[in-house]
């Protein structure tokens, strides 16, 4: 593969940085993480007639057998109690045209009705809100939850999916971005 360096797995010698051996501060960590592009998803939930959600980028597959996703949610997120009490959530990956949905779910000051005013929503197996026209949606039953630092790590067994297969929305350096084909 011509685009992979022969030394890609080598560990080049570098002088130690200012935080070598001491860990890094939160600001330094966040600045570095902002340089990474992430797929944008909206994690949604419902319980006892209430629904809520949040924009998220810290999501990854854990296992294909059984199908499980890991979602990292800030412990202060308004949706977290509904996810924990309801035992279910949906992960809705957004298309590049759904950035208004991402913005609506990105602000802690936005109320639930305003958030769900963007887009059309329905339920699958768990009843967690699934966005019509999402790139891909995963309906999950909460299987485990672990507190780690400022976040709650949620493990969800995928019980239903929808798939559109359009172009996904990305987030990098505090901006939503479109994916351009490689040249």
C-alpha atoms as a PDB file:
ATOM      1  CA  UNK A   1       0.000   0.000   0.000  1.00  0.00           C
ATOM      2  CA  UNK A   2       1.766   3.129  -1.201  1.00  0.00           C
ATOM      3  CA  UNK A   3       0.152   5.513   1.300  1.00  0.00           C
ATOM      4  CA  UNK A   4       1.498   3.670   4.343  1.00  0.00           C
ATOM      5  CA  UNK A   5       5.017   4.523   5.404  1.00  0.00           C
ATOM      6  CA  UNK A   6       7.459   1.663   5.846  1.00  0.00           C
ATOM      7  CA  UNK A   7       8.258   3.139   9.254  1.00  0.00           C
ATOM      8  CA  UNK A   8       4.640   3.637  10.311  1.00  0.00           C
ATOM      9  CA  UNK A   9       5.055   1.218  13.211  1.00  0.00           C
ATOM     10  CA  UNK A  10       8.467   2.493  14.260  1.00  0.00           C
ATOM     11  CA  UNK A  11       8.789   4.687  17.330  1.00  0.00           C
ATOM     12  CA  UNK A  12      10.759   7.740  16.246  1.00  0.00           C
ATOM     13  CA  UNK A  13      12.923   9.296  18.905  1.00  0.00           C
ATOM     14  CA  UNK A  14      11.536  12.620  20.008  1.00  0.00           C
ATOM     15  CA  UNK A  15      12.664  14.942  22.705  1.00  0.00           C
ATOM     16  CA  UNK A  16      10.321  14.845  25.673  1.00  0.00           C
ATOM     17  CA  UNK A  17       7.579  17.472  25.521  1.00  0.00           C
ATOM     18  CA  UNK A  18       6.764  19.918  28.293  1.00  0.00           C
ATOM     19  CA  UNK A  19       4.470  17.424  29.987  1.00  0.00           C
ATOM     20  CA  UNK A  20       6.558  14.274  29.490  1.00  0.00           C
ATOM     21  CA  UNK A  21       6.311  12.015  32.504  1.00  0.00           C
ATOM     22  CA  UNK A  22       3.813  14.273  34.270  1.00  0.00           C
ATOM     23  CA  UNK A  23       0.607  13.745  32.330  1.00  0.00           C
ATOM     24  CA  UNK A  24      -1.071  16.642  30.587  1.00  0.00           C
ATOM     25  CA  UNK A  25      -3.525  19.277  31.696  1.00  0.00           C
ATOM     26  CA  UNK A  26      -7.180  19.260  30.608  1.00  0.00           C
ATOM     27  CA  UNK A  27      -6.700  22.224  28.230  1.00  0.00           C
ATOM     28  CA  UNK A  28      -3.768  20.534  26.480  1.00  0.00           C
ATOM     29  CA  UNK A  29      -5.747  17.299  26.121  1.00  0.00           C
ATOM     30  CA  UNK A  30      -8.797  19.115  24.699  1.00  0.00           C
ATOM     31  CA  UNK A  31      -6.660  21.122  22.259  1.00  0.00           C
ATOM     32  CA  UNK A  32      -5.096  17.937  20.906  1.00  0.00           C
ATOM     33  CA  UNK A  33      -8.448  16.114  20.678  1.00  0.00           C
ATOM     34  CA  UNK A  34      -9.980  19.017  18.724  1.00  0.00           C
ATOM     35  CA  UNK A  35      -7.600  18.179  15.864  1.00  0.00           C
ATOM     36  CA  UNK A  36      -9.237  14.781  15.355  1.00  0.00           C
ATOM     37  CA  UNK A  37     -12.278  14.507  13.060  1.00  0.00           C
ATOM     38  CA  UNK A  38     -15.206  12.514  14.462  1.00  0.00           C
ATOM     39  CA  UNK A  39     -18.480  11.220  13.102  1.00  0.00           C
ATOM     40  CA  UNK A  40     -21.369  13.146  14.636  1.00  0.00           C
ATOM     41  CA  UNK A  41     -24.238  11.322  16.305  1.00  0.00           C
ATOM     42  CA  UNK A  42     -27.223  12.280  18.391  1.00  0.00           C
ATOM     43  CA  UNK A  43     -27.877   9.949  21.314  1.00  0.00           C
ATOM     44  CA  UNK A  44     -31.564   9.944  22.242  1.00  0.00           C
ATOM     45  CA  UNK A  45     -33.655   8.393  24.990  1.00  0.00           C
ATOM     46  CA  UNK A  46     -37.110   8.321  26.524  1.00  0.00           C
ATOM     47  CA  UNK A  47     -38.626   7.273  29.821  1.00  0.00           C
ATOM     48  CA  UNK A  48     -42.033   7.818  31.438  1.00  0.00           C
ATOM     49  CA  UNK A  49     -43.218  10.119  28.644  1.00  0.00           C
ATOM     50  CA  UNK A  50     -40.102  12.308  28.681  1.00  0.00           C
ATOM     51  CA  UNK A  51     -37.471  12.324  25.973  1.00  0.00           C
ATOM     52  CA  UNK A  52     -34.058  13.929  25.715  1.00  0.00           C
ATOM     53  CA  UNK A  53     -30.796  13.612  23.863  1.00  0.00           C
ATOM     54  CA  UNK A  54     -27.328  14.954  23.251  1.00  0.00           C
ATOM     55  CA  UNK A  55     -24.834  15.351  20.431  1.00  0.00           C
ATOM     56  CA  UNK A  56     -21.966  12.903  20.828  1.00  0.00           C
ATOM     57  CA  UNK A  57     -18.709  12.010  19.116  1.00  0.00           C
ATOM     58  CA  UNK A  58     -17.301   9.539  21.670  1.00  0.00           C
ATOM     59  CA  UNK A  59     -18.951   6.379  20.382  1.00  0.00           C
ATOM     60  CA  UNK A  60     -17.348   3.151  19.235  1.00  0.00           C
ATOM     61  CA  UNK A  61     -18.242  -0.461  18.507  1.00  0.00           C
ATOM     62  CA  UNK A  62     -17.236  -2.884  21.251  1.00  0.00           C
ATOM     63  CA  UNK A  63     -18.288  -6.196  19.750  1.00  0.00           C
ATOM     64  CA  UNK A  64     -20.058  -7.566  16.681  1.00  0.00           C
ATOM     65  CA  UNK A  65     -21.088 -10.766  18.477  1.00  0.00           C
ATOM     66  CA  UNK A  66     -23.050  -9.687  20.384  1.00  0.00           C
ATOM     67  CA  UNK A  67     -23.473  -6.281  18.716  1.00  0.00           C
ATOM     68  CA  UNK A  68     -22.570  -3.690  21.383  1.00  0.00           C
ATOM     69  CA  UNK A  69     -21.767   0.023  21.206  1.00  0.00           C
ATOM     70  CA  UNK A  70     -19.901   2.107  23.774  1.00  0.00           C
ATOM     71  CA  UNK A  71     -21.179   5.657  24.279  1.00  0.00           C
ATOM     72  CA  UNK A  72     -19.335   8.116  26.533  1.00  0.00           C
ATOM     73  CA  UNK A  73     -21.704  10.670  28.106  1.00  0.00           C
ATOM     74  CA  UNK A  74     -20.768  13.603  30.318  1.00  0.00           C
ATOM     75  CA  UNK A  75     -22.029  12.971  33.846  1.00  0.00           C
ATOM     76  CA  UNK A  76     -23.785  16.373  33.781  1.00  0.00           C
ATOM     77  CA  UNK A  77     -25.775  15.643  30.588  1.00  0.00           C
ATOM     78  CA  UNK A  78     -29.517  16.159  31.042  1.00  0.00           C
ATOM     79  CA  UNK A  79     -30.228  12.957  29.087  1.00  0.00           C
ATOM     80  CA  UNK A  80     -28.161  10.692  31.336  1.00  0.00           C
ATOM     81  CA  UNK A  81     -30.816  10.081  34.037  1.00  0.00           C
ATOM     82  CA  UNK A  82     -33.384   9.166  31.357  1.00  0.00           C
ATOM     83  CA  UNK A  83     -30.955   6.723  29.752  1.00  0.00           C
ATOM     84  CA  UNK A  84     -30.156   5.091  33.087  1.00  0.00           C
ATOM     85  CA  UNK A  85     -33.780   4.974  34.282  1.00  0.00           C
ATOM     86  CA  UNK A  86     -35.218   3.899  30.917  1.00  0.00           C
ATOM     87  CA  UNK A  87     -32.507   1.347  30.184  1.00  0.00           C
ATOM     88  CA  UNK A  88     -32.347   2.216  26.492  1.00  0.00           C
ATOM     89  CA  UNK A  89     -30.969   4.735  24.023  1.00  0.00           C
ATOM     90  CA  UNK A  90     -30.577   5.241  20.288  1.00  0.00           C
ATOM     91  CA  UNK A  91     -27.439   6.362  18.478  1.00  0.00           C
ATOM     92  CA  UNK A  92     -28.304   8.336  15.339  1.00  0.00           C
ATOM     93  CA  UNK A  93     -25.327   9.090  13.069  1.00  0.00           C
ATOM     94  CA  UNK A  94     -26.053  12.248  11.102  1.00  0.00           C
ATOM     95  CA  UNK A  95     -25.737  12.961   7.390  1.00  0.00           C
ATOM     96  CA  UNK A  96     -23.879  16.054   6.257  1.00  0.00           C
ATOM     97  CA  UNK A  97     -27.224  17.830   5.702  1.00  0.00           C
ATOM     98  CA  UNK A  98     -28.404  17.213   9.275  1.00  0.00           C
ATOM     99  CA  UNK A  99     -26.091  19.745  10.953  1.00  0.00           C
ATOM    100  CA  UNK A 100     -29.138  21.699  12.286  1.00  0.00           C
ATOM    101  CA  UNK A 101     -30.037  18.581  14.299  1.00  0.00           C
ATOM    102  CA  UNK A 102     -26.482  18.424  15.670  1.00  0.00           C
ATOM    103  CA  UNK A 103     -26.624  22.095  16.682  1.00  0.00           C
ATOM    104  CA  UNK A 104     -29.987  21.645  18.413  1.00  0.00           C
ATOM    105  CA  UNK A 105     -28.651  18.744  20.488  1.00  0.00           C
ATOM    106  CA  UNK A 106     -25.247  20.359  21.191  1.00  0.00           C
ATOM    107  CA  UNK A 107     -26.341  23.016  23.656  1.00  0.00           C
ATOM    108  CA  UNK A 108     -27.170  22.240  27.282  1.00  0.00           C
ATOM    109  CA  UNK A 109     -29.424  25.321  27.259  1.00  0.00           C
ATOM    110  CA  UNK A 110     -31.706  23.936  24.524  1.00  0.00           C
ATOM    111  CA  UNK A 111     -34.846  22.291  25.896  1.00  0.00           C
ATOM    112  CA  UNK A 112     -36.026  18.870  24.781  1.00  0.00           C
ATOM    113  CA  UNK A 113     -38.977  20.135  22.710  1.00  0.00           C
ATOM    114  CA  UNK A 114     -36.686  22.436  20.722  1.00  0.00           C
ATOM    115  CA  UNK A 115     -34.167  19.643  20.185  1.00  0.00           C
ATOM    116  CA  UNK A 116     -36.770  17.264  18.809  1.00  0.00           C
ATOM    117  CA  UNK A 117     -38.277  20.075  16.702  1.00  0.00           C
ATOM    118  CA  UNK A 118     -35.439  19.418  14.251  1.00  0.00           C
ATOM    119  CA  UNK A 119     -36.112  16.358  12.108  1.00  0.00           C
ATOM    120  CA  UNK A 120     -38.756  13.639  12.180  1.00  0.00           C
ATOM    121  CA  UNK A 121     -38.571  11.063  14.971  1.00  0.00           C
ATOM    122  CA  UNK A 122     -39.983   7.563  15.482  1.00  0.00           C
ATOM    123  CA  UNK A 123     -39.161   4.565  17.644  1.00  0.00           C
ATOM    124  CA  UNK A 124     -37.874   1.102  16.836  1.00  0.00           C
ATOM    125  CA  UNK A 125     -37.772  -1.793  19.326  1.00  0.00           C
ATOM    126  CA  UNK A 126     -36.939   0.106  22.553  1.00  0.00           C
ATOM    127  CA  UNK A 127     -38.953   3.208  21.694  1.00  0.00           C
ATOM    128  CA  UNK A 128     -35.906   5.484  21.954  1.00  0.00           C
ATOM    129  CA  UNK A 129     -36.285   8.266  19.352  1.00  0.00           C
ATOM    130  CA  UNK A 130     -34.729   7.410  15.985  1.00  0.00           C
ATOM    131  CA  UNK A 131     -34.120  10.179  13.434  1.00  0.00           C
ATOM    132  CA  UNK A 132     -35.681   9.676  10.006  1.00  0.00           C
ATOM    133  CA  UNK A 133     -33.044   9.993   7.298  1.00  0.00           C
ATOM    134  CA  UNK A 134     -30.091   9.434   9.637  1.00  0.00           C
ATOM    135  CA  UNK A 135     -26.971   7.930   8.078  1.00  0.00           C
ATOM    136  CA  UNK A 136     -27.364   4.951  10.426  1.00  0.00           C
ATOM    137  CA  UNK A 137     -29.290   4.487  13.661  1.00  0.00           C
ATOM    138  CA  UNK A 138     -28.696   1.918  16.387  1.00  0.00           C
ATOM    139  CA  UNK A 139     -31.458   1.147  18.874  1.00  0.00           C
ATOM    140  CA  UNK A 140     -29.790  -0.095  22.076  1.00  0.00           C
ATOM    141  CA  UNK A 141     -30.713  -1.654  25.397  1.00  0.00           C
ATOM    142  CA  UNK A 142     -28.413  -0.501  28.174  1.00  0.00           C
ATOM    143  CA  UNK A 143     -26.370  -3.485  29.371  1.00  0.00           C
ATOM    144  CA  UNK A 144     -23.771  -1.829  31.584  1.00  0.00           C
ATOM    145  CA  UNK A 145     -22.735   1.576  32.847  1.00  0.00           C
ATOM    146  CA  UNK A 146     -19.391   2.600  34.331  1.00  0.00           C
ATOM    147  CA  UNK A 147     -18.388   5.968  35.762  1.00  0.00           C
ATOM    148  CA  UNK A 148     -14.923   7.033  34.662  1.00  0.00           C
ATOM    149  CA  UNK A 149     -13.667  10.531  35.404  1.00  0.00           C
ATOM    150  CA  UNK A 150     -16.203  13.119  34.305  1.00  0.00           C
ATOM    151  CA  UNK A 151     -18.113  10.682  32.081  1.00  0.00           C
ATOM    152  CA  UNK A 152     -20.421   7.688  32.176  1.00  0.00           C
ATOM    153  CA  UNK A 153     -19.493   4.859  29.813  1.00  0.00           C
ATOM    154  CA  UNK A 154     -22.656   3.231  28.507  1.00  0.00           C
ATOM    155  CA  UNK A 155     -22.597  -0.197  26.899  1.00  0.00           C
ATOM    156  CA  UNK A 156     -25.643  -0.760  24.704  1.00  0.00           C
ATOM    157  CA  UNK A 157     -26.711  -4.014  23.062  1.00  0.00           C
ATOM    158  CA  UNK A 158     -27.926  -3.142  19.568  1.00  0.00           C
ATOM    159  CA  UNK A 159     -31.417  -4.578  19.073  1.00  0.00           C
ATOM    160  CA  UNK A 160     -32.427  -2.793  15.843  1.00  0.00           C
ATOM    161  CA  UNK A 161     -30.833  -0.638  13.143  1.00  0.00           C
ATOM    162  CA  UNK A 162     -31.712   1.586  10.212  1.00  0.00           C
ATOM    163  CA  UNK A 163     -29.306   2.418   7.407  1.00  0.00           C
ATOM    164  CA  UNK A 164     -29.346   5.184   4.796  1.00  0.00           C
ATOM    165  CA  UNK A 165     -25.801   5.033   3.440  1.00  0.00           C
ATOM    166  CA  UNK A 166     -25.467   8.754   2.619  1.00  0.00           C
ATOM    167  CA  UNK A 167     -22.440  10.965   3.358  1.00  0.00           C
ATOM    168  CA  UNK A 168     -21.782  11.478   7.071  1.00  0.00           C
ATOM    169  CA  UNK A 169     -21.345  14.672   9.098  1.00  0.00           C
ATOM    170  CA  UNK A 170     -17.969  15.227  10.774  1.00  0.00           C
ATOM    171  CA  UNK A 171     -16.850  17.442  13.660  1.00  0.00           C
ATOM    172  CA  UNK A 172     -13.319  18.828  14.000  1.00  0.00           C
ATOM    173  CA  UNK A 173     -11.900  21.848  15.796  1.00  0.00           C
ATOM    174  CA  UNK A 174     -15.327  23.078  16.949  1.00  0.00           C
ATOM    175  CA  UNK A 175     -16.818  23.043  13.440  1.00  0.00           C
ATOM    176  CA  UNK A 176     -19.137  20.718  11.554  1.00  0.00           C
ATOM    177  CA  UNK A 177     -17.572  19.521   8.317  1.00  0.00           C
ATOM    178  CA  UNK A 178     -18.444  17.567   5.206  1.00  0.00           C
ATOM    179  CA  UNK A 179     -16.410  14.606   4.049  1.00  0.00           C
ATOM    180  CA  UNK A 180     -14.722  15.247   0.695  1.00  0.00           C
ATOM    181  CA  UNK A 181     -13.592  12.380  -1.529  1.00  0.00           C
ATOM    182  CA  UNK A 182      -9.850  11.681  -1.531  1.00  0.00           C
ATOM    183  CA  UNK A 183      -8.026  12.904  -4.607  1.00  0.00           C
END
